Amino acid sequence: MQKWEYGQIFVHNPEPFGGYPKEGLELEKVQRAGREGWELVSSIPYTTPEGEVRGAFLLFKRELSPSVK
């Protein structure tokens, strides 16, 4: 039976300028997670009470190593 560990990363939305983002998403942590064997399983938007999406929580999982099981 497989056993999993889970983690999360918060990614901010870039600030808009003239309706377009000034820069891209900061994905360094996401790329590192992929290299470490994490798999993206879900994303949850972080929204202000006014309805503005300010970022997203990214949920990841990876199989536990045999020594941890």
C-alpha atoms as a PDB file:
ATOM      1  CA  MET A   1       0.000   0.000   0.000  1.00  0.00           C
ATOM      2  CA  GLN A   2       1.316   3.439  -0.926  1.00  0.00           C
ATOM      3  CA  LYS A   3       1.644   6.136   1.714  1.00  0.00           C
ATOM      4  CA  TRP A   4       1.853   9.822   0.900  1.00  0.00           C
ATOM      5  CA  GLU A   5       3.101  13.022   2.426  1.00  0.00           C
ATOM      6  CA  TYR A   6       1.516  16.349   1.560  1.00  0.00           C
ATOM      7  CA  GLY A   7       2.706  19.931   1.339  1.00  0.00           C
ATOM      8  CA  GLN A   8       1.580  23.335   0.162  1.00  0.00           C
ATOM      9  CA  ILE A   9       3.067  26.391  -1.492  1.00  0.00           C
ATOM     10  CA  PHE A  10       1.438  29.802  -1.741  1.00  0.00           C
ATOM     11  CA  VAL A  11       1.974  31.624  -5.050  1.00  0.00           C
ATOM     12  CA  HIS A  12       1.112  35.343  -5.211  1.00  0.00           C
ATOM     13  CA  ASN A  13      -0.601  36.762  -8.271  1.00  0.00           C
ATOM     14  CA  PRO A  14       1.593  39.380  -9.904  1.00  0.00           C
ATOM     15  CA  GLU A  15       0.499  42.994  -9.534  1.00  0.00           C
ATOM     16  CA  PRO A  16      -1.356  44.286 -12.598  1.00  0.00           C
ATOM     17  CA  PHE A  17      -0.222  47.255 -14.652  1.00  0.00           C
ATOM     18  CA  GLY A  18      -2.670  48.515 -17.275  1.00  0.00           C
ATOM     19  CA  GLY A  19      -4.692  45.307 -17.019  1.00  0.00           C
ATOM     20  CA  TYR A  20      -1.688  43.022 -17.577  1.00  0.00           C
ATOM     21  CA  PRO A  21       0.637  41.453 -15.004  1.00  0.00           C
ATOM     22  CA  LYS A  22       3.893  43.377 -14.525  1.00  0.00           C
ATOM     23  CA  GLU A  23       5.812  40.112 -14.161  1.00  0.00           C
ATOM     24  CA  GLY A  24       5.210  36.374 -14.304  1.00  0.00           C
ATOM     25  CA  LEU A  25       4.281  34.070 -11.458  1.00  0.00           C
ATOM     26  CA  GLU A  26       7.082  33.276  -9.022  1.00  0.00           C
ATOM     27  CA  LEU A  27       7.448  29.566  -9.701  1.00  0.00           C
ATOM     28  CA  GLU A  28      10.903  28.856  -8.275  1.00  0.00           C
ATOM     29  CA  LYS A  29       9.445  26.973  -5.274  1.00  0.00           C
ATOM     30  CA  VAL A  30       7.082  25.040  -7.545  1.00  0.00           C
ATOM     31  CA  GLN A  31       9.919  24.024  -9.870  1.00  0.00           C
ATOM     32  CA  ARG A  32      12.041  22.901  -6.906  1.00  0.00           C
ATOM     33  CA  ALA A  33       9.118  20.847  -5.577  1.00  0.00           C
ATOM     34  CA  GLY A  34       8.828  19.085  -8.943  1.00  0.00           C
ATOM     35  CA  ARG A  35      12.534  18.235  -8.926  1.00  0.00           C
ATOM     36  CA  GLU A  36      12.103  16.806  -5.416  1.00  0.00           C
ATOM     37  CA  GLY A  37       9.330  14.450  -6.568  1.00  0.00           C
ATOM     38  CA  TRP A  38       6.264  16.448  -5.480  1.00  0.00           C
ATOM     39  CA  GLU A  39       3.161  16.169  -7.674  1.00  0.00           C
ATOM     40  CA  LEU A  40       0.566  18.956  -7.883  1.00  0.00           C
ATOM     41  CA  VAL A  41      -2.831  17.598  -6.819  1.00  0.00           C
ATOM     42  CA  SER A  42      -4.961  20.710  -6.295  1.00  0.00           C
ATOM     43  CA  SER A  43      -5.017  24.491  -6.217  1.00  0.00           C
ATOM     44  CA  ILE A  44      -7.166  26.761  -4.084  1.00  0.00           C
ATOM     45  CA  PRO A  45      -7.480  30.451  -4.963  1.00  0.00           C
ATOM     46  CA  TYR A  46      -6.886  32.989  -2.202  1.00  0.00           C
ATOM     47  CA  THR A  47      -9.596  35.608  -2.658  1.00  0.00           C
ATOM     48  CA  THR A  48     -10.179  38.822  -0.699  1.00  0.00           C
ATOM     49  CA  PRO A  49     -13.660  39.625   0.662  1.00  0.00           C
ATOM     50  CA  GLU A  50     -14.018  42.026  -2.288  1.00  0.00           C
ATOM     51  CA  GLY A  51     -13.567  39.110  -4.716  1.00  0.00           C
ATOM     52  CA  GLU A  52     -10.023  39.904  -5.844  1.00  0.00           C
ATOM     53  CA  VAL A  53      -7.841  36.833  -6.362  1.00  0.00           C
ATOM     54  CA  ARG A  54      -4.497  37.535  -4.673  1.00  0.00           C
ATOM     55  CA  GLY A  55      -2.837  34.175  -5.245  1.00  0.00           C
ATOM     56  CA  ALA A  56      -3.295  30.454  -4.869  1.00  0.00           C
ATOM     57  CA  PHE A  57      -2.431  27.684  -2.474  1.00  0.00           C
ATOM     58  CA  LEU A  58      -0.927  24.778  -4.415  1.00  0.00           C
ATOM     59  CA  LEU A  59      -1.263  21.367  -2.768  1.00  0.00           C
ATOM     60  CA  PHE A  60       1.310  18.678  -3.522  1.00  0.00           C
ATOM     61  CA  LYS A  61       1.886  15.054  -2.622  1.00  0.00           C
ATOM     62  CA  ARG A  62       4.719  12.570  -2.972  1.00  0.00           C
ATOM     63  CA  GLU A  63       5.174   8.978  -1.975  1.00  0.00           C
ATOM     64  CA  LEU A  64       6.867   8.459   1.363  1.00  0.00           C
ATOM     65  CA  SER A  65      10.293   6.897   1.103  1.00  0.00           C
ATOM     66  CA  PRO A  66      10.501   3.249   2.270  1.00  0.00           C
ATOM     67  CA  SER A  67      12.500   4.268   5.357  1.00  0.00           C
ATOM     68  CA  VAL A  68       9.648   6.533   6.578  1.00  0.00           C
ATOM     69  CA  LYS A  69       6.784   4.084   5.986  1.00  0.00           C
END
